[in-house]
Amino acid sequence: MKKITYLLLFTMLCSFTSHAQFPETFDTEIPATWAVFSGLNGEGPTYTWVHVSVGYILCQWEAATEGTTAEDWLVSPLTPITTTTSLLTFDQTDYFAQDYSSSYTVRISTTSQTDITSFTTVDTQGETSVSNGAELQFSGYSVDLSAYEGESVYIAFVLEQNNGDAWFLDNIDLANQNATAPLPATTPNPADEATVNLTNNMDMNN
């Protein structure tokens, strides 16, 4: 009986640790379950995704060979996308308000964390979208992943540039975009905008 219990606990633990745990705030590090690597052309290996001690991550720009771009990949572990977790949200910024032609993409793979050819680009931003003109002032952004509801996916954040700009990320999460607000009360008591006497000990509702 003990062996069966231990086996069950081990199986549950493996299942738990093999999937991304959101929200990811990067407070202390980039978790070892996330993959960090350069693109297929090998350009831009000097700077890659790193953790910053104050609690976010960034990828710095660098010069690539003329006519090419450096690619820096940050990829989550496998994580299920459901009807309640199909909105990818994160905070972002870059260094400069000026446009240095960097490209910021979110890509999805259902088969591999590290096979670049298996990823599909689902969102692309330029620097003017990422920057808000204030150095290191983050702003929120979201990407619709409803096309992957019912599947488990790897989520990649890819910076492409040649002596361009950096990309700062924080607070990556999966939210419920299918939730609806509750209906307003139809017969509130006291009535909406009614004046209530709180100095009176009487039961106004009898």
N, C-alpha and C. Protein backbone atom coordinates (compact mmCIF):
# COMPACT_ATOMS: atom_id res chain seq x y z
N MET A 1 0.83 -1.21 0.00
CA MET A 1 0.00 0.00 0.00
C MET A 1 0.86 1.26 0.00
N LYS A 2 1.97 1.23 0.80
CA LYS A 2 2.85 2.38 0.85
C LYS A 2 3.44 2.68 -0.51
N LYS A 3 3.85 1.62 -1.22
CA LYS A 3 4.45 1.80 -2.53
C LYS A 3 3.48 2.46 -3.49
N ILE A 4 2.23 2.06 -3.43
CA ILE A 4 1.20 2.65 -4.31
C ILE A 4 1.01 4.12 -3.98
N THR A 5 0.98 4.43 -2.66
CA THR A 5 0.82 5.83 -2.24
C THR A 5 1.99 6.68 -2.71
N TYR A 6 3.22 6.19 -2.52
CA TYR A 6 4.40 6.93 -2.94
C TYR A 6 4.41 7.13 -4.45
N LEU A 7 4.01 6.08 -5.19
CA LEU A 7 3.98 6.18 -6.64
C LEU A 7 2.97 7.23 -7.08
N LEU A 8 1.82 7.26 -6.43
CA LEU A 8 0.79 8.24 -6.76
C LEU A 8 1.28 9.65 -6.48
N LEU A 9 1.92 9.85 -5.32
CA LEU A 9 2.44 11.17 -4.99
C LEU A 9 3.52 11.61 -5.96
N PHE A 10 4.40 10.67 -6.34
CA PHE A 10 5.46 10.99 -7.30
C PHE A 10 4.89 11.37 -8.65
N THR A 11 3.86 10.65 -9.09
CA THR A 11 3.22 10.95 -10.37
C THR A 11 2.58 12.33 -10.35
N MET A 12 1.90 12.65 -9.21
CA MET A 12 1.27 13.97 -9.09
C MET A 12 2.31 15.07 -9.09
N LEU A 13 3.43 14.85 -8.41
CA LEU A 13 4.50 15.85 -8.35
C LEU A 13 5.09 16.09 -9.72
N CYS A 14 5.35 15.03 -10.47
CA CYS A 14 5.90 15.17 -11.83
C CYS A 14 4.96 15.94 -12.72
N SER A 15 3.66 15.63 -12.60
CA SER A 15 2.67 16.34 -13.41
C SER A 15 2.64 17.81 -13.06
N PHE A 16 2.78 18.13 -11.77
CA PHE A 16 2.75 19.52 -11.31
C PHE A 16 3.95 20.30 -11.81
N THR A 17 5.15 19.70 -11.73
CA THR A 17 6.36 20.43 -12.06
C THR A 17 6.64 20.49 -13.55
N SER A 18 5.93 19.72 -14.36
CA SER A 18 6.21 19.72 -15.79
C SER A 18 5.46 20.83 -16.52
N HIS A 19 4.58 21.53 -15.82
CA HIS A 19 3.81 22.60 -16.43
C HIS A 19 4.22 23.94 -15.82
N ALA A 20 4.09 24.98 -16.62
CA ALA A 20 4.42 26.33 -16.15
C ALA A 20 3.47 26.73 -15.03
N GLN A 21 4.00 27.40 -14.06
CA GLN A 21 3.19 27.89 -12.95
C GLN A 21 3.04 29.41 -13.10
N PHE A 22 1.82 29.85 -13.36
CA PHE A 22 1.57 31.27 -13.52
C PHE A 22 0.74 31.78 -12.35
N PRO A 23 0.92 33.04 -11.93
CA PRO A 23 1.77 34.05 -12.58
C PRO A 23 3.25 33.82 -12.32
N GLU A 24 4.09 34.24 -13.27
CA GLU A 24 5.54 34.20 -13.12
C GLU A 24 6.03 35.64 -12.96
N THR A 25 6.56 35.94 -11.78
CA THR A 25 6.96 37.31 -11.46
C THR A 25 8.46 37.54 -11.55
N PHE A 26 9.23 36.48 -11.72
CA PHE A 26 10.70 36.59 -11.84
C PHE A 26 11.30 37.37 -10.68
N ASP A 27 10.78 37.15 -9.49
CA ASP A 27 11.26 37.90 -8.33
C ASP A 27 12.71 37.56 -7.97
N THR A 28 13.11 36.29 -8.17
CA THR A 28 14.45 35.88 -7.74
C THR A 28 15.31 35.34 -8.87
N GLU A 29 14.70 34.87 -9.98
CA GLU A 29 15.47 34.25 -11.05
C GLU A 29 14.57 33.95 -12.24
N ILE A 30 15.19 33.55 -13.35
CA ILE A 30 14.45 32.89 -14.42
C ILE A 30 14.40 31.41 -14.04
N PRO A 31 13.23 30.84 -13.82
CA PRO A 31 13.17 29.44 -13.38
C PRO A 31 13.90 28.51 -14.35
N ALA A 32 14.48 27.46 -13.79
CA ALA A 32 15.24 26.51 -14.61
C ALA A 32 14.35 25.79 -15.62
N THR A 33 13.04 25.79 -15.39
CA THR A 33 12.12 25.13 -16.32
C THR A 33 11.86 25.95 -17.58
N TRP A 34 12.29 27.21 -17.57
CA TRP A 34 12.17 28.05 -18.76
C TRP A 34 13.43 27.89 -19.61
N ALA A 35 13.28 27.91 -20.93
CA ALA A 35 14.42 27.77 -21.84
C ALA A 35 14.86 29.13 -22.36
N VAL A 36 16.18 29.34 -22.41
CA VAL A 36 16.76 30.57 -22.94
C VAL A 36 17.82 30.18 -23.95
N PHE A 37 17.70 30.68 -25.20
CA PHE A 37 18.66 30.31 -26.23
C PHE A 37 18.63 31.31 -27.37
N SER A 38 19.64 31.25 -28.24
CA SER A 38 19.73 32.13 -29.41
C SER A 38 19.07 31.47 -30.61
N GLY A 39 18.82 32.29 -31.64
CA GLY A 39 18.17 31.79 -32.85
C GLY A 39 19.06 30.88 -33.67
N LEU A 40 18.50 30.37 -34.77
CA LEU A 40 19.20 29.39 -35.60
C LEU A 40 20.45 29.95 -36.25
N ASN A 41 20.47 31.27 -36.51
CA ASN A 41 21.64 31.83 -37.19
C ASN A 41 22.82 32.07 -36.25
N GLY A 42 22.61 31.86 -34.95
CA GLY A 42 23.70 32.02 -33.99
C GLY A 42 24.09 33.45 -33.70
N GLU A 43 23.37 34.41 -34.25
CA GLU A 43 23.70 35.81 -34.02
C GLU A 43 23.22 36.25 -32.64
N GLY A 44 23.99 37.15 -32.02
CA GLY A 44 23.59 37.74 -30.74
C GLY A 44 23.79 36.87 -29.53
N PRO A 45 24.88 36.09 -29.42
CA PRO A 45 25.06 35.23 -28.26
C PRO A 45 25.62 35.95 -27.02
N THR A 46 26.10 37.18 -27.20
CA THR A 46 26.75 37.88 -26.07
C THR A 46 25.74 38.27 -25.00
N TYR A 47 24.60 38.80 -25.41
CA TYR A 47 23.55 39.17 -24.46
C TYR A 47 22.35 38.28 -24.68
N THR A 48 21.77 37.82 -23.58
CA THR A 48 20.57 36.99 -23.66
C THR A 48 19.65 37.36 -22.51
N TRP A 49 18.57 36.61 -22.32
CA TRP A 49 17.63 36.90 -21.25
C TRP A 49 18.28 36.68 -19.89
N VAL A 50 18.19 37.69 -19.03
CA VAL A 50 18.78 37.60 -17.69
C VAL A 50 17.81 38.16 -16.66
N HIS A 51 18.00 37.71 -15.43
CA HIS A 51 17.22 38.22 -14.31
C HIS A 51 17.90 39.45 -13.73
N VAL A 52 17.10 40.45 -13.36
CA VAL A 52 17.59 41.67 -12.72
C VAL A 52 17.17 41.62 -11.25
N SER A 53 18.05 41.99 -10.35
CA SER A 53 17.86 41.78 -8.92
C SER A 53 16.60 42.43 -8.36
N VAL A 54 16.11 43.48 -8.99
CA VAL A 54 14.92 44.14 -8.46
C VAL A 54 13.63 43.42 -8.85
N GLY A 55 13.73 42.34 -9.64
CA GLY A 55 12.56 41.50 -9.83
C GLY A 55 11.89 41.55 -11.18
N TYR A 56 12.66 41.62 -12.26
CA TYR A 56 12.12 41.46 -13.61
C TYR A 56 13.22 40.86 -14.47
N ILE A 57 12.93 40.62 -15.75
CA ILE A 57 13.94 40.08 -16.64
C ILE A 57 14.08 40.99 -17.86
N LEU A 58 15.23 40.89 -18.52
CA LEU A 58 15.44 41.69 -19.72
C LEU A 58 16.38 40.99 -20.68
N CYS A 59 16.28 41.38 -21.93
CA CYS A 59 17.24 40.97 -22.95
C CYS A 59 17.79 42.24 -23.59
N GLN A 60 19.11 42.36 -23.56
CA GLN A 60 19.79 43.55 -24.06
C GLN A 60 19.97 43.47 -25.58
N TRP A 61 20.11 44.62 -26.23
CA TRP A 61 20.41 44.66 -27.66
C TRP A 61 21.90 44.42 -27.88
N GLU A 62 22.26 44.05 -29.10
CA GLU A 62 23.66 43.96 -29.50
C GLU A 62 23.74 43.95 -31.02
N ALA A 63 24.93 44.24 -31.52
CA ALA A 63 25.14 44.31 -32.97
C ALA A 63 25.29 42.91 -33.53
N ALA A 64 24.57 42.64 -34.61
CA ALA A 64 24.69 41.39 -35.35
C ALA A 64 25.39 41.67 -36.67
N THR A 65 25.75 40.61 -37.39
CA THR A 65 26.36 40.76 -38.70
C THR A 65 25.44 41.57 -39.60
N GLU A 66 26.02 42.45 -40.40
CA GLU A 66 25.22 43.30 -41.29
C GLU A 66 24.31 42.44 -42.16
N GLY A 67 23.06 42.85 -42.22
CA GLY A 67 22.09 42.12 -43.04
C GLY A 67 21.39 41.00 -42.30
N THR A 68 21.74 40.77 -41.03
CA THR A 68 21.09 39.73 -40.25
C THR A 68 20.48 40.34 -38.99
N THR A 69 19.76 39.53 -38.24
CA THR A 69 19.21 39.97 -36.96
C THR A 69 19.56 38.95 -35.88
N ALA A 70 19.78 39.46 -34.68
CA ALA A 70 19.98 38.59 -33.53
C ALA A 70 18.61 38.16 -33.00
N GLU A 71 18.50 36.90 -32.63
CA GLU A 71 17.28 36.37 -32.04
C GLU A 71 17.58 35.85 -30.65
N ASP A 72 16.81 36.30 -29.67
CA ASP A 72 16.94 35.81 -28.31
C ASP A 72 15.60 35.27 -27.84
N TRP A 73 15.59 33.99 -27.48
CA TRP A 73 14.36 33.27 -27.14
C TRP A 73 14.26 33.03 -25.64
N LEU A 74 13.06 33.26 -25.12
CA LEU A 74 12.68 32.89 -23.76
C LEU A 74 11.40 32.08 -23.87
N VAL A 75 11.43 30.81 -23.42
CA VAL A 75 10.29 29.92 -23.65
C VAL A 75 9.82 29.29 -22.34
N SER A 76 8.53 29.35 -22.11
CA SER A 76 7.94 28.78 -20.91
C SER A 76 7.94 27.26 -20.96
N PRO A 77 7.76 26.61 -19.82
CA PRO A 77 7.48 25.18 -19.84
C PRO A 77 6.11 24.91 -20.46
N LEU A 78 5.80 23.66 -20.67
CA LEU A 78 4.50 23.28 -21.23
C LEU A 78 3.40 23.68 -20.25
N THR A 79 2.37 24.32 -20.78
CA THR A 79 1.27 24.75 -19.91
C THR A 79 -0.06 24.60 -20.63
N PRO A 80 -1.10 24.13 -19.94
CA PRO A 80 -2.40 23.96 -20.57
C PRO A 80 -3.12 25.29 -20.77
N ILE A 81 -3.78 25.41 -21.90
CA ILE A 81 -4.62 26.57 -22.19
C ILE A 81 -6.07 26.12 -22.13
N THR A 82 -6.83 26.75 -21.26
CA THR A 82 -8.24 26.39 -21.08
C THR A 82 -9.10 27.63 -21.33
N THR A 83 -10.40 27.45 -21.18
CA THR A 83 -11.31 28.59 -21.36
C THR A 83 -11.12 29.65 -20.29
N THR A 84 -10.46 29.28 -19.19
CA THR A 84 -10.23 30.25 -18.11
C THR A 84 -8.78 30.72 -18.05
N THR A 85 -7.94 30.27 -19.00
CA THR A 85 -6.52 30.69 -19.00
C THR A 85 -6.04 31.01 -20.42
N SER A 86 -6.90 31.57 -21.24
CA SER A 86 -6.53 31.76 -22.64
C SER A 86 -6.17 33.19 -23.00
N LEU A 87 -5.96 34.04 -22.00
CA LEU A 87 -5.49 35.39 -22.27
C LEU A 87 -4.12 35.56 -21.63
N LEU A 88 -3.08 35.63 -22.46
CA LEU A 88 -1.73 35.85 -21.98
C LEU A 88 -1.55 37.32 -21.64
N THR A 89 -1.12 37.60 -20.42
CA THR A 89 -0.89 38.98 -20.00
C THR A 89 0.52 39.12 -19.46
N PHE A 90 1.11 40.30 -19.65
CA PHE A 90 2.43 40.57 -19.09
C PHE A 90 2.69 42.07 -19.09
N ASP A 91 3.65 42.47 -18.25
CA ASP A 91 4.10 43.86 -18.22
C ASP A 91 5.39 43.96 -19.01
N GLN A 92 5.58 45.08 -19.72
CA GLN A 92 6.73 45.22 -20.60
C GLN A 92 7.17 46.67 -20.72
N THR A 93 8.40 46.84 -21.14
CA THR A 93 8.91 48.14 -21.56
C THR A 93 10.21 47.90 -22.30
N ASP A 94 10.78 48.97 -22.86
CA ASP A 94 12.12 48.92 -23.43
C ASP A 94 12.89 50.13 -22.91
N TYR A 95 14.09 50.36 -23.45
CA TYR A 95 14.90 51.47 -22.95
C TYR A 95 14.50 52.82 -23.54
N PHE A 96 14.35 52.87 -24.87
CA PHE A 96 14.28 54.15 -25.57
C PHE A 96 12.94 54.36 -26.26
N ALA A 97 12.49 55.61 -26.28
CA ALA A 97 11.29 55.96 -27.03
C ALA A 97 11.56 55.96 -28.53
N GLN A 98 12.81 56.23 -28.92
CA GLN A 98 13.18 56.23 -30.32
C GLN A 98 13.10 54.82 -30.89
N ASP A 99 12.70 54.71 -32.16
CA ASP A 99 12.52 53.41 -32.81
C ASP A 99 13.82 52.97 -33.47
N TYR A 100 14.39 51.86 -32.97
CA TYR A 100 15.59 51.28 -33.55
C TYR A 100 15.29 49.99 -34.32
N SER A 101 14.02 49.80 -34.67
CA SER A 101 13.57 48.71 -35.56
C SER A 101 13.65 47.32 -34.94
N SER A 102 13.56 47.24 -33.62
CA SER A 102 13.48 45.92 -32.99
C SER A 102 12.09 45.32 -33.19
N SER A 103 12.02 43.98 -33.14
CA SER A 103 10.74 43.28 -33.26
C SER A 103 10.55 42.40 -32.03
N TYR A 104 9.36 42.47 -31.45
CA TYR A 104 9.04 41.72 -30.24
C TYR A 104 7.87 40.78 -30.56
N THR A 105 8.11 39.48 -30.50
CA THR A 105 7.06 38.54 -30.90
C THR A 105 6.75 37.54 -29.79
N VAL A 106 5.50 37.09 -29.78
CA VAL A 106 5.07 35.97 -28.96
C VAL A 106 4.77 34.82 -29.91
N ARG A 107 5.33 33.65 -29.60
CA ARG A 107 5.16 32.49 -30.49
C ARG A 107 4.72 31.28 -29.67
N ILE A 108 4.02 30.37 -30.33
CA ILE A 108 3.44 29.21 -29.66
C ILE A 108 3.87 27.94 -30.37
N SER A 109 4.25 26.94 -29.56
CA SER A 109 4.49 25.59 -30.07
C SER A 109 3.69 24.61 -29.23
N THR A 110 3.13 23.61 -29.87
CA THR A 110 2.41 22.56 -29.14
C THR A 110 3.25 21.30 -29.02
N THR A 111 4.48 21.32 -29.55
CA THR A 111 5.27 20.09 -29.60
C THR A 111 6.65 20.17 -28.96
N SER A 112 7.26 21.35 -28.91
CA SER A 112 8.64 21.42 -28.44
C SER A 112 8.94 22.76 -27.77
N GLN A 113 9.79 22.72 -26.76
CA GLN A 113 10.22 23.95 -26.08
C GLN A 113 11.41 24.59 -26.80
N THR A 114 12.16 23.81 -27.57
CA THR A 114 13.42 24.33 -28.14
C THR A 114 13.52 24.21 -29.66
N ASP A 115 12.58 23.54 -30.31
CA ASP A 115 12.62 23.44 -31.77
C ASP A 115 11.99 24.69 -32.37
N ILE A 116 12.84 25.60 -32.82
CA ILE A 116 12.37 26.89 -33.32
C ILE A 116 11.38 26.72 -34.47
N THR A 117 11.61 25.73 -35.31
CA THR A 117 10.75 25.53 -36.49
C THR A 117 9.33 25.12 -36.11
N SER A 118 9.10 24.72 -34.87
CA SER A 118 7.76 24.26 -34.48
C SER A 118 6.87 25.40 -33.99
N PHE A 119 7.42 26.61 -33.89
CA PHE A 119 6.67 27.72 -33.31
C PHE A 119 5.91 28.52 -34.37
N THR A 120 4.73 28.98 -33.98
CA THR A 120 3.91 29.87 -34.81
C THR A 120 3.82 31.24 -34.13
N THR A 121 4.08 32.30 -34.87
CA THR A 121 3.99 33.66 -34.32
C THR A 121 2.53 34.06 -34.18
N VAL A 122 2.14 34.43 -32.97
CA VAL A 122 0.75 34.83 -32.72
C VAL A 122 0.61 36.32 -32.43
N ASP A 123 1.73 37.00 -32.18
CA ASP A 123 1.65 38.44 -31.92
C ASP A 123 3.01 39.08 -32.22
N THR A 124 2.98 40.24 -32.88
CA THR A 124 4.20 40.98 -33.21
C THR A 124 4.03 42.44 -32.82
N GLN A 125 5.05 42.98 -32.14
CA GLN A 125 5.06 44.40 -31.79
C GLN A 125 6.34 45.05 -32.29
N GLY A 126 6.24 46.33 -32.62
CA GLY A 126 7.41 47.14 -32.87
C GLY A 126 7.74 47.94 -31.61
N GLU A 127 8.83 48.69 -31.67
CA GLU A 127 9.27 49.43 -30.49
C GLU A 127 8.27 50.49 -30.04
N THR A 128 7.56 51.08 -30.96
CA THR A 128 6.61 52.14 -30.58
C THR A 128 5.46 51.57 -29.76
N SER A 129 5.19 50.27 -29.91
CA SER A 129 4.14 49.64 -29.11
C SER A 129 4.64 49.30 -27.71
N VAL A 130 5.90 48.88 -27.62
CA VAL A 130 6.46 48.44 -26.34
C VAL A 130 6.83 49.62 -25.46
N SER A 131 7.38 50.68 -26.07
CA SER A 131 7.85 51.83 -25.29
C SER A 131 6.71 52.78 -24.98
N ASN A 132 6.74 53.35 -23.76
CA ASN A 132 5.78 54.40 -23.44
C ASN A 132 6.48 55.74 -23.25
N GLY A 133 7.75 55.80 -23.66
CA GLY A 133 8.48 57.06 -23.61
C GLY A 133 9.11 57.38 -22.28
N ALA A 134 8.89 56.51 -21.27
CA ALA A 134 9.47 56.74 -19.94
C ALA A 134 10.36 55.55 -19.61
N GLU A 135 11.61 55.82 -19.29
CA GLU A 135 12.56 54.75 -19.05
C GLU A 135 12.13 53.86 -17.89
N LEU A 136 12.07 52.55 -18.17
CA LEU A 136 11.75 51.52 -17.18
C LEU A 136 10.40 51.73 -16.50
N GLN A 137 9.44 52.27 -17.23
CA GLN A 137 8.08 52.35 -16.72
C GLN A 137 7.25 51.32 -17.47
N PHE A 138 6.90 50.25 -16.77
CA PHE A 138 6.22 49.13 -17.41
C PHE A 138 4.76 49.47 -17.71
N SER A 139 4.24 48.81 -18.75
CA SER A 139 2.82 48.90 -19.06
C SER A 139 2.32 47.50 -19.42
N GLY A 140 1.03 47.28 -19.22
CA GLY A 140 0.44 45.97 -19.45
C GLY A 140 0.16 45.70 -20.91
N TYR A 141 0.21 44.41 -21.27
CA TYR A 141 -0.08 43.98 -22.64
C TYR A 141 -0.72 42.60 -22.58
N SER A 142 -1.55 42.27 -23.56
CA SER A 142 -2.20 40.96 -23.57
C SER A 142 -2.23 40.38 -24.99
N VAL A 143 -2.26 39.05 -25.05
CA VAL A 143 -2.31 38.32 -26.32
C VAL A 143 -3.38 37.23 -26.19
N ASP A 144 -4.27 37.18 -27.17
CA ASP A 144 -5.37 36.21 -27.17
C ASP A 144 -4.84 34.83 -27.59
N LEU A 145 -4.97 33.84 -26.71
CA LEU A 145 -4.56 32.46 -27.02
C LEU A 145 -5.75 31.52 -27.11
N SER A 146 -6.93 32.06 -27.36
CA SER A 146 -8.14 31.23 -27.38
C SER A 146 -8.10 30.16 -28.47
N ALA A 147 -7.31 30.36 -29.50
CA ALA A 147 -7.19 29.35 -30.56
C ALA A 147 -6.56 28.06 -30.03
N TYR A 148 -5.91 28.14 -28.86
CA TYR A 148 -5.23 26.97 -28.29
C TYR A 148 -5.95 26.40 -27.08
N GLU A 149 -7.18 26.83 -26.84
CA GLU A 149 -7.94 26.28 -25.73
C GLU A 149 -8.10 24.77 -25.90
N GLY A 150 -7.84 24.03 -24.83
CA GLY A 150 -7.90 22.57 -24.90
C GLY A 150 -6.58 21.92 -25.24
N GLU A 151 -5.53 22.73 -25.48
CA GLU A 151 -4.20 22.20 -25.78
C GLU A 151 -3.20 22.68 -24.74
N SER A 152 -2.06 22.00 -24.69
CA SER A 152 -0.94 22.44 -23.87
C SER A 152 0.13 23.00 -24.79
N VAL A 153 0.72 24.13 -24.40
CA VAL A 153 1.60 24.85 -25.32
C VAL A 153 2.85 25.34 -24.61
N TYR A 154 3.86 25.64 -25.41
CA TYR A 154 5.05 26.37 -24.98
C TYR A 154 4.90 27.80 -25.49
N ILE A 155 5.13 28.78 -24.63
CA ILE A 155 4.97 30.19 -24.99
C ILE A 155 6.35 30.83 -25.08
N ALA A 156 6.68 31.36 -26.25
CA ALA A 156 8.00 31.96 -26.47
C ALA A 156 7.89 33.47 -26.61
N PHE A 157 8.86 34.16 -26.00
CA PHE A 157 9.01 35.60 -26.16
C PHE A 157 10.33 35.80 -26.90
N VAL A 158 10.28 36.39 -28.09
CA VAL A 158 11.45 36.46 -28.95
C VAL A 158 11.76 37.92 -29.30
N LEU A 159 12.97 38.34 -28.95
CA LEU A 159 13.47 39.67 -29.33
C LEU A 159 14.34 39.52 -30.56
N GLU A 160 13.99 40.25 -31.63
CA GLU A 160 14.79 40.27 -32.86
C GLU A 160 15.26 41.70 -33.10
N GLN A 161 16.59 41.89 -33.28
CA GLN A 161 17.12 43.23 -33.47
C GLN A 161 18.56 43.15 -33.96
N ASN A 162 19.03 44.27 -34.47
CA ASN A 162 20.45 44.44 -34.79
C ASN A 162 20.83 45.83 -34.29
N ASN A 163 21.50 45.84 -33.12
CA ASN A 163 21.82 47.09 -32.45
C ASN A 163 20.56 47.92 -32.22
N GLY A 164 19.52 47.23 -31.77
CA GLY A 164 18.22 47.87 -31.59
C GLY A 164 17.97 48.30 -30.16
N ASP A 165 16.92 47.73 -29.56
CA ASP A 165 16.55 48.11 -28.20
C ASP A 165 16.41 46.85 -27.35
N ALA A 166 16.25 47.04 -26.04
CA ALA A 166 16.08 45.92 -25.12
C ALA A 166 14.59 45.59 -24.97
N TRP A 167 14.31 44.49 -24.27
CA TRP A 167 12.93 44.12 -23.93
C TRP A 167 12.91 43.70 -22.47
N PHE A 168 12.12 44.39 -21.66
CA PHE A 168 11.94 44.07 -20.25
C PHE A 168 10.58 43.40 -20.07
N LEU A 169 10.54 42.32 -19.29
CA LEU A 169 9.29 41.61 -19.04
C LEU A 169 9.11 41.35 -17.54
N ASP A 170 7.85 41.30 -17.12
CA ASP A 170 7.54 40.99 -15.73
C ASP A 170 6.09 40.52 -15.67
N ASN A 171 5.75 39.80 -14.59
CA ASN A 171 4.36 39.44 -14.27
C ASN A 171 3.64 38.75 -15.44
N ILE A 172 4.25 37.71 -15.97
CA ILE A 172 3.60 36.94 -17.04
C ILE A 172 2.52 36.07 -16.41
N ASP A 173 1.32 36.10 -16.99
CA ASP A 173 0.21 35.36 -16.40
C ASP A 173 -0.76 34.92 -17.50
N LEU A 174 -1.66 34.02 -17.13
CA LEU A 174 -2.73 33.56 -18.01
C LEU A 174 -4.06 33.88 -17.32
N ALA A 175 -4.89 34.67 -17.97
CA ALA A 175 -6.13 35.15 -17.35
C ALA A 175 -7.35 34.61 -18.09
N ASN A 176 -8.49 34.82 -17.48
CA ASN A 176 -9.77 34.38 -18.03
C ASN A 176 -10.40 35.51 -18.84
N GLN A 177 -10.36 35.39 -20.15
CA GLN A 177 -10.97 36.43 -20.99
C GLN A 177 -12.44 36.13 -21.29
N ASN A 178 -12.93 34.96 -20.83
CA ASN A 178 -14.31 34.58 -21.11
C ASN A 178 -15.25 34.89 -19.95
N ALA A 179 -14.70 35.45 -18.87
CA ALA A 179 -15.54 35.77 -17.72
C ALA A 179 -16.45 36.95 -18.06
N THR A 180 -17.63 36.94 -17.50
CA THR A 180 -18.58 38.04 -17.71
C THR A 180 -18.90 38.68 -16.36
N ALA A 181 -19.13 39.97 -16.39
CA ALA A 181 -19.48 40.68 -15.16
C ALA A 181 -20.86 40.27 -14.68
N PRO A 182 -21.10 40.21 -13.37
CA PRO A 182 -22.43 39.85 -12.86
C PRO A 182 -23.45 40.92 -13.22
N LEU A 183 -24.70 40.50 -13.36
CA LEU A 183 -25.77 41.45 -13.66
C LEU A 183 -26.03 42.34 -12.45
N PRO A 184 -26.42 43.60 -12.68
CA PRO A 184 -26.73 44.48 -11.55
C PRO A 184 -27.97 44.01 -10.80
N ALA A 185 -28.04 44.35 -9.54
CA ALA A 185 -29.22 43.99 -8.74
C ALA A 185 -30.46 44.66 -9.31
N THR A 186 -31.58 43.93 -9.33
CA THR A 186 -32.81 44.48 -9.91
C THR A 186 -33.71 45.12 -8.87
N THR A 187 -33.68 44.62 -7.62
CA THR A 187 -34.53 45.21 -6.57
C THR A 187 -33.71 45.37 -5.29
N PRO A 188 -32.71 46.25 -5.30
CA PRO A 188 -31.88 46.41 -4.10
C PRO A 188 -32.69 46.99 -2.95
N ASN A 189 -32.30 46.61 -1.74
CA ASN A 189 -32.97 47.13 -0.54
C ASN A 189 -31.90 47.46 0.51
N PRO A 190 -31.68 48.73 0.82
CA PRO A 190 -32.42 49.93 0.37
C PRO A 190 -32.28 50.16 -1.14
N ALA A 191 -33.19 50.94 -1.65
CA ALA A 191 -33.19 51.21 -3.08
C ALA A 191 -31.93 51.94 -3.48
N ASP A 192 -31.54 51.80 -4.73
CA ASP A 192 -30.36 52.48 -5.24
C ASP A 192 -30.50 53.99 -5.05
N GLU A 193 -29.46 54.64 -4.51
CA GLU A 193 -29.38 56.07 -4.24
C GLU A 193 -30.33 56.52 -3.13
N ALA A 194 -30.87 55.57 -2.37
CA ALA A 194 -31.77 55.95 -1.27
C ALA A 194 -30.96 56.52 -0.11
N THR A 195 -31.58 57.39 0.68
CA THR A 195 -30.96 57.93 1.88
C THR A 195 -31.33 57.05 3.06
N VAL A 196 -30.30 56.60 3.81
CA VAL A 196 -30.55 55.70 4.94
C VAL A 196 -30.15 56.39 6.22
N ASN A 197 -31.02 56.37 7.24
CA ASN A 197 -30.77 56.98 8.54
C ASN A 197 -30.06 55.97 9.44
N LEU A 198 -28.76 56.17 9.67
CA LEU A 198 -27.97 55.23 10.46
C LEU A 198 -27.94 55.60 11.93
N THR A 199 -28.63 56.68 12.33
CA THR A 199 -28.66 57.06 13.75
C THR A 199 -29.91 56.53 14.43
N ASN A 200 -30.72 55.83 13.71
CA ASN A 200 -32.01 55.33 14.19
C ASN A 200 -31.89 53.86 14.56
N ASN A 201 -32.35 53.46 15.76
CA ASN A 201 -32.28 52.06 16.19
C ASN A 201 -33.40 51.21 15.66
N MET A 202 -34.36 51.80 14.95
CA MET A 202 -35.50 51.04 14.46
C MET A 202 -35.07 50.14 13.29
N ASP A 203 -35.77 49.03 13.15
CA ASP A 203 -35.57 48.14 11.99
C ASP A 203 -36.38 48.70 10.85
N MET A 204 -35.73 49.37 9.90
CA MET A 204 -36.45 50.03 8.82
C MET A 204 -37.09 49.02 7.87
N ASN A 205 -36.65 47.76 7.93
CA ASN A 205 -37.22 46.73 7.05
C ASN A 205 -38.27 45.90 7.80
N ASN A 206 -38.59 46.33 9.03
CA ASN A 206 -39.58 45.64 9.86
C ASN A 206 -39.16 44.18 10.09
